[in-house]
């Protein structure tokens, strides 16, 4: 199983980025996908998740209204559109897959990708 996160980079505050998570080696349609992030010196935290069918999404309060998660089942890819970025969004972003229905706790995620770094300058 592989989850390949990409799309990170350096952006000014107020800007946008779109992260991608390409998934292989598991039945994509049977997997909920989430994004977590970890800022320097901090614990990893939940950002957003999308259910197996894509009909339910969950967001951390800190990103509601600014971030949007979506999935492309034909391409086995999940996207995270990040708008109105703030310096506090700076972190390594990780995608993860779960057999459960879009949990928000990392302990329920079975597979993890490597991080993609997002840096937001003020």
N, C-alpha and C. Protein backbone atom coordinates (compact mmCIF):
# COMPACT_ATOMS: atom_id res chain seq x y z
N UNK A 1 0.85 -1.19 0.00
CA UNK A 1 0.00 0.00 0.00
C UNK A 1 0.89 1.24 0.00
N UNK A 2 0.52 2.19 -0.86
CA UNK A 2 1.28 3.44 -0.91
C UNK A 2 0.33 4.62 -0.96
N UNK A 3 0.64 5.63 -0.16
CA UNK A 3 -0.04 6.91 -0.24
C UNK A 3 1.04 7.95 -0.51
N UNK A 4 0.91 8.62 -1.62
CA UNK A 4 1.92 9.57 -2.06
C UNK A 4 1.34 10.97 -2.02
N UNK A 5 1.78 11.75 -1.03
CA UNK A 5 1.31 13.13 -0.89
C UNK A 5 2.23 14.06 -1.67
N UNK A 6 1.64 15.05 -2.30
CA UNK A 6 2.42 16.03 -3.06
C UNK A 6 1.67 17.36 -3.09
N UNK A 7 2.36 18.39 -3.59
CA UNK A 7 1.73 19.68 -3.77
C UNK A 7 2.10 20.74 -2.75
N UNK A 8 2.91 20.37 -1.77
CA UNK A 8 3.33 21.35 -0.79
C UNK A 8 4.27 22.37 -1.39
N UNK A 9 4.54 23.42 -0.61
CA UNK A 9 5.45 24.45 -1.07
C UNK A 9 5.39 25.67 -0.18
N UNK A 10 5.99 26.73 -0.68
CA UNK A 10 6.04 28.01 0.04
C UNK A 10 5.02 28.96 -0.58
N UNK A 11 4.20 29.56 0.25
CA UNK A 11 3.18 30.48 -0.24
C UNK A 11 3.02 31.62 0.75
N UNK A 12 2.62 32.77 0.26
CA UNK A 12 2.39 33.91 1.15
C UNK A 12 1.03 33.77 1.84
N UNK A 13 0.92 34.40 2.98
CA UNK A 13 -0.36 34.41 3.69
C UNK A 13 -1.46 34.94 2.77
N UNK A 14 -2.61 34.27 2.82
CA UNK A 14 -3.71 34.63 1.95
C UNK A 14 -3.74 33.86 0.65
N UNK A 15 -2.67 33.15 0.38
CA UNK A 15 -2.57 32.38 -0.86
C UNK A 15 -3.23 31.02 -0.76
N UNK A 16 -3.05 30.24 -1.83
CA UNK A 16 -3.69 28.93 -1.93
C UNK A 16 -2.70 27.87 -2.37
N UNK A 17 -2.98 26.65 -1.98
CA UNK A 17 -2.25 25.48 -2.44
C UNK A 17 -3.24 24.34 -2.57
N UNK A 18 -2.93 23.40 -3.46
CA UNK A 18 -3.72 22.18 -3.54
C UNK A 18 -2.80 20.98 -3.34
N UNK A 19 -3.09 20.21 -2.33
CA UNK A 19 -2.34 18.99 -2.07
C UNK A 19 -3.05 17.80 -2.71
N UNK A 20 -2.26 16.83 -3.12
CA UNK A 20 -2.80 15.60 -3.70
C UNK A 20 -2.29 14.41 -2.91
N UNK A 21 -3.11 13.38 -2.83
CA UNK A 21 -2.72 12.12 -2.20
C UNK A 21 -3.10 11.00 -3.15
N UNK A 22 -2.12 10.43 -3.80
CA UNK A 22 -2.34 9.33 -4.73
C UNK A 22 -2.22 8.02 -3.98
N UNK A 23 -3.25 7.17 -4.11
CA UNK A 23 -3.32 5.94 -3.32
C UNK A 23 -3.23 4.73 -4.24
N UNK A 24 -2.44 3.76 -3.84
CA UNK A 24 -2.34 2.51 -4.59
C UNK A 24 -2.18 1.34 -3.63
N UNK A 25 -2.55 0.17 -4.12
CA UNK A 25 -2.35 -1.04 -3.32
C UNK A 25 -3.50 -1.40 -2.40
N UNK A 26 -4.59 -0.64 -2.43
CA UNK A 26 -5.76 -1.01 -1.65
C UNK A 26 -7.01 -0.61 -2.45
N UNK A 27 -8.15 -1.11 -1.99
CA UNK A 27 -9.40 -0.79 -2.69
C UNK A 27 -9.82 0.61 -2.29
N UNK A 28 -9.56 1.55 -3.20
CA UNK A 28 -9.75 2.96 -2.88
C UNK A 28 -11.18 3.26 -2.45
N UNK A 29 -12.14 2.67 -3.11
CA UNK A 29 -13.54 2.94 -2.79
C UNK A 29 -13.97 2.43 -1.43
N UNK A 30 -13.18 1.58 -0.82
CA UNK A 30 -13.48 1.06 0.51
C UNK A 30 -12.72 1.79 1.61
N UNK A 31 -12.06 2.87 1.25
CA UNK A 31 -11.18 3.56 2.20
C UNK A 31 -11.60 4.99 2.41
N UNK A 32 -11.75 5.36 3.67
CA UNK A 32 -11.84 6.78 4.01
C UNK A 32 -10.42 7.35 4.02
N UNK A 33 -10.31 8.58 3.62
CA UNK A 33 -8.99 9.23 3.55
C UNK A 33 -9.01 10.50 4.40
N UNK A 34 -7.93 10.74 5.08
CA UNK A 34 -7.83 11.95 5.90
C UNK A 34 -6.50 12.65 5.66
N UNK A 35 -6.48 13.90 6.04
CA UNK A 35 -5.24 14.68 6.10
C UNK A 35 -5.00 15.05 7.55
N UNK A 36 -3.78 14.87 7.97
CA UNK A 36 -3.30 15.33 9.26
C UNK A 36 -2.12 16.26 9.01
N UNK A 37 -1.76 17.03 9.99
CA UNK A 37 -0.58 17.89 9.85
C UNK A 37 0.19 17.94 11.16
N UNK A 38 1.46 18.22 11.02
CA UNK A 38 2.32 18.34 12.19
C UNK A 38 3.25 19.53 12.01
N UNK A 39 3.07 20.50 12.88
CA UNK A 39 3.92 21.69 12.86
C UNK A 39 5.18 21.42 13.70
N UNK A 40 6.25 22.14 13.44
CA UNK A 40 7.48 21.93 14.21
C UNK A 40 7.24 22.07 15.70
N UNK A 41 7.67 21.07 16.46
CA UNK A 41 7.54 21.12 17.90
C UNK A 41 6.16 20.83 18.43
N UNK A 42 5.24 20.44 17.55
CA UNK A 42 3.87 20.17 17.99
C UNK A 42 3.47 18.75 17.64
N UNK A 43 2.39 18.29 18.25
CA UNK A 43 1.87 16.97 17.94
C UNK A 43 1.09 17.01 16.62
N UNK A 44 1.01 15.83 16.01
CA UNK A 44 0.23 15.73 14.78
C UNK A 44 -1.24 15.95 15.10
N UNK A 45 -1.95 16.65 14.20
CA UNK A 45 -3.34 16.96 14.45
C UNK A 45 -4.18 16.67 13.21
N UNK A 46 -5.44 16.35 13.46
CA UNK A 46 -6.41 16.10 12.40
C UNK A 46 -6.72 17.39 11.66
N UNK A 47 -6.82 17.30 10.32
CA UNK A 47 -7.21 18.44 9.51
C UNK A 47 -8.58 18.22 8.89
N UNK A 48 -8.74 17.10 8.16
CA UNK A 48 -9.98 16.83 7.46
C UNK A 48 -10.03 15.38 7.04
N UNK A 49 -11.24 14.86 6.83
CA UNK A 49 -11.40 13.50 6.33
C UNK A 49 -12.61 13.44 5.41
N UNK A 50 -12.61 12.42 4.55
CA UNK A 50 -13.71 12.21 3.62
C UNK A 50 -14.07 10.73 3.67
N UNK A 51 -15.39 10.47 3.64
CA UNK A 51 -15.88 9.10 3.77
C UNK A 51 -15.59 8.30 2.51
N UNK A 52 -15.83 7.00 2.61
CA UNK A 52 -15.55 6.11 1.48
C UNK A 52 -16.35 6.48 0.24
N UNK A 53 -17.57 6.89 0.42
CA UNK A 53 -18.40 7.26 -0.72
C UNK A 53 -18.25 8.73 -1.10
N UNK A 54 -17.60 9.49 -0.25
CA UNK A 54 -17.41 10.91 -0.52
C UNK A 54 -18.59 11.78 -0.10
N UNK A 55 -19.59 11.18 0.54
CA UNK A 55 -20.77 11.96 0.87
C UNK A 55 -20.66 12.68 2.21
N UNK A 56 -19.64 12.35 2.99
CA UNK A 56 -19.44 13.03 4.27
C UNK A 56 -18.01 13.51 4.39
N UNK A 57 -17.88 14.73 4.88
CA UNK A 57 -16.56 15.30 5.13
C UNK A 57 -16.55 15.91 6.53
N UNK A 58 -15.38 15.95 7.12
CA UNK A 58 -15.20 16.51 8.46
C UNK A 58 -13.97 17.41 8.43
N UNK A 59 -14.06 18.49 9.19
CA UNK A 59 -12.98 19.46 9.21
C UNK A 59 -12.67 19.89 10.64
N UNK A 60 -11.40 20.12 10.89
CA UNK A 60 -11.02 20.77 12.14
C UNK A 60 -11.55 22.20 12.13
N UNK A 61 -11.88 22.70 13.29
CA UNK A 61 -12.45 24.05 13.37
C UNK A 61 -11.50 25.08 12.78
N UNK A 62 -10.22 24.86 12.93
CA UNK A 62 -9.23 25.84 12.49
C UNK A 62 -9.17 26.00 10.97
N UNK A 63 -9.72 25.03 10.22
CA UNK A 63 -9.63 25.11 8.77
C UNK A 63 -10.99 25.20 8.09
N UNK A 64 -12.06 25.12 8.86
CA UNK A 64 -13.41 25.18 8.28
C UNK A 64 -13.60 26.47 7.49
N UNK A 65 -14.17 26.31 6.31
CA UNK A 65 -14.42 27.46 5.46
C UNK A 65 -13.24 27.87 4.61
N UNK A 66 -12.07 27.30 4.88
CA UNK A 66 -10.87 27.64 4.09
C UNK A 66 -10.35 26.44 3.31
N UNK A 67 -10.48 25.26 3.88
CA UNK A 67 -9.97 24.04 3.24
C UNK A 67 -11.13 23.21 2.73
N UNK A 68 -10.90 22.50 1.62
CA UNK A 68 -11.90 21.60 1.06
C UNK A 68 -11.24 20.30 0.65
N UNK A 69 -11.79 19.19 1.14
CA UNK A 69 -11.29 17.87 0.75
C UNK A 69 -12.24 17.28 -0.30
N UNK A 70 -11.65 16.59 -1.27
CA UNK A 70 -12.45 15.93 -2.30
C UNK A 70 -11.73 14.68 -2.75
N UNK A 71 -12.45 13.81 -3.43
CA UNK A 71 -11.83 12.58 -3.90
C UNK A 71 -12.23 12.29 -5.33
N UNK A 72 -11.31 11.71 -6.06
CA UNK A 72 -11.50 11.30 -7.45
C UNK A 72 -11.31 9.79 -7.47
N UNK A 73 -12.39 9.05 -7.43
CA UNK A 73 -12.29 7.60 -7.34
C UNK A 73 -11.71 6.99 -8.62
N UNK A 74 -11.94 7.64 -9.75
CA UNK A 74 -11.39 7.12 -11.00
C UNK A 74 -9.88 7.19 -10.99
N UNK A 75 -9.34 8.21 -10.33
CA UNK A 75 -7.90 8.40 -10.30
C UNK A 75 -7.24 7.99 -9.00
N UNK A 76 -8.04 7.40 -8.09
CA UNK A 76 -7.52 6.98 -6.78
C UNK A 76 -6.73 8.09 -6.09
N UNK A 77 -7.31 9.28 -6.12
CA UNK A 77 -6.61 10.44 -5.57
C UNK A 77 -7.55 11.26 -4.71
N UNK A 78 -7.02 11.77 -3.63
CA UNK A 78 -7.75 12.70 -2.77
C UNK A 78 -7.03 14.04 -2.83
N UNK A 79 -7.80 15.11 -2.86
CA UNK A 79 -7.25 16.46 -2.94
C UNK A 79 -7.59 17.26 -1.68
N UNK A 80 -6.71 18.17 -1.35
CA UNK A 80 -6.97 19.13 -0.29
C UNK A 80 -6.71 20.51 -0.85
N UNK A 81 -7.78 21.23 -1.10
CA UNK A 81 -7.68 22.62 -1.57
C UNK A 81 -7.59 23.52 -0.35
N UNK A 82 -6.52 24.27 -0.26
CA UNK A 82 -6.29 25.13 0.89
C UNK A 82 -6.28 26.58 0.43
N UNK A 83 -7.25 27.35 0.87
CA UNK A 83 -7.35 28.76 0.53
C UNK A 83 -7.15 29.62 1.77
N UNK A 84 -6.91 30.89 1.55
CA UNK A 84 -6.74 31.85 2.65
C UNK A 84 -5.75 31.33 3.68
N UNK A 85 -4.63 30.87 3.20
CA UNK A 85 -3.66 30.25 4.10
C UNK A 85 -3.09 31.26 5.09
N UNK A 86 -2.80 30.74 6.28
CA UNK A 86 -2.27 31.56 7.37
C UNK A 86 -0.92 30.99 7.80
N UNK A 87 -0.07 31.80 8.40
CA UNK A 87 1.22 31.28 8.87
C UNK A 87 1.05 30.08 9.81
N UNK A 88 -0.02 30.04 10.57
CA UNK A 88 -0.24 28.91 11.49
C UNK A 88 -0.62 27.62 10.78
N UNK A 89 -0.82 27.68 9.46
CA UNK A 89 -1.05 26.46 8.69
C UNK A 89 0.26 25.79 8.30
N UNK A 90 1.37 26.44 8.57
CA UNK A 90 2.67 25.86 8.27
C UNK A 90 2.87 24.55 9.01
N UNK A 91 3.16 23.47 8.24
CA UNK A 91 3.30 22.14 8.83
C UNK A 91 3.65 21.15 7.73
N UNK A 92 4.01 19.95 8.15
CA UNK A 92 4.07 18.81 7.24
C UNK A 92 2.66 18.21 7.20
N UNK A 93 2.17 17.99 6.00
CA UNK A 93 0.83 17.44 5.83
C UNK A 93 0.93 15.98 5.38
N UNK A 94 0.18 15.12 6.06
CA UNK A 94 0.18 13.68 5.80
C UNK A 94 -1.21 13.22 5.41
N UNK A 95 -1.28 12.31 4.42
CA UNK A 95 -2.57 11.68 4.15
C UNK A 95 -2.54 10.26 4.70
N UNK A 96 -3.73 9.77 5.03
CA UNK A 96 -3.84 8.45 5.65
C UNK A 96 -5.14 7.79 5.20
N UNK A 97 -5.16 6.45 5.23
CA UNK A 97 -6.31 5.68 4.79
C UNK A 97 -6.84 4.82 5.93
N UNK A 98 -8.16 4.73 5.98
CA UNK A 98 -8.82 3.94 7.03
C UNK A 98 -9.91 3.08 6.42
N UNK A 99 -10.11 1.90 7.03
CA UNK A 99 -11.23 1.04 6.61
C UNK A 99 -12.52 1.45 7.30
N UNK A 100 -12.42 2.36 8.26
CA UNK A 100 -13.61 2.84 8.95
C UNK A 100 -14.20 4.03 8.20
N UNK A 101 -15.25 4.57 8.74
CA UNK A 101 -15.99 5.61 8.03
C UNK A 101 -15.53 7.01 8.45
N UNK A 102 -14.46 7.49 7.82
CA UNK A 102 -13.97 8.86 7.99
C UNK A 102 -13.73 9.26 9.44
N UNK A 103 -12.98 8.48 10.19
CA UNK A 103 -12.69 8.87 11.56
C UNK A 103 -11.81 10.11 11.64
N UNK A 104 -11.83 10.74 12.79
CA UNK A 104 -11.02 11.93 12.99
C UNK A 104 -9.80 11.65 13.87
N UNK A 105 -9.70 10.46 14.41
CA UNK A 105 -8.59 10.10 15.28
C UNK A 105 -7.56 9.28 14.52
N UNK A 106 -6.30 9.65 14.66
CA UNK A 106 -5.27 9.00 13.86
C UNK A 106 -5.10 7.53 14.20
N UNK A 107 -5.48 7.12 15.36
CA UNK A 107 -5.33 5.71 15.75
C UNK A 107 -6.17 4.78 14.88
N UNK A 108 -7.15 5.31 14.18
CA UNK A 108 -8.01 4.49 13.34
C UNK A 108 -7.54 4.44 11.90
N UNK A 109 -6.42 5.03 11.61
CA UNK A 109 -5.89 5.03 10.25
C UNK A 109 -4.79 3.98 10.14
N UNK A 110 -4.94 3.14 9.11
CA UNK A 110 -4.07 1.98 8.97
C UNK A 110 -2.83 2.26 8.13
N UNK A 111 -2.96 3.14 7.17
CA UNK A 111 -1.86 3.40 6.23
C UNK A 111 -1.60 4.90 6.15
N UNK A 112 -0.32 5.23 6.07
CA UNK A 112 0.11 6.62 6.06
C UNK A 112 1.09 6.87 4.94
N UNK A 113 0.99 8.07 4.38
CA UNK A 113 1.98 8.47 3.40
C UNK A 113 3.06 9.31 4.04
N UNK A 114 4.05 9.67 3.25
CA UNK A 114 5.07 10.57 3.75
C UNK A 114 4.49 11.98 3.73
N UNK A 115 5.09 12.90 4.43
CA UNK A 115 4.54 14.25 4.50
C UNK A 115 4.94 15.10 3.31
N UNK A 116 4.15 16.11 3.06
CA UNK A 116 4.52 17.16 2.12
C UNK A 116 4.50 18.46 2.89
N UNK A 117 5.55 19.23 2.74
CA UNK A 117 5.73 20.41 3.58
C UNK A 117 5.01 21.63 3.01
N UNK A 118 4.28 22.30 3.87
CA UNK A 118 3.61 23.55 3.52
C UNK A 118 4.16 24.65 4.42
N UNK A 119 4.64 25.71 3.79
CA UNK A 119 5.17 26.85 4.54
C UNK A 119 4.43 28.10 4.10
N UNK A 120 3.82 28.80 5.05
CA UNK A 120 3.08 30.01 4.77
C UNK A 120 3.81 31.18 5.40
N UNK A 121 4.26 32.09 4.58
CA UNK A 121 5.01 33.24 5.08
C UNK A 121 4.06 34.41 5.35
N UNK A 122 4.41 35.20 6.35
CA UNK A 122 3.55 36.33 6.72
C UNK A 122 3.94 37.58 5.97
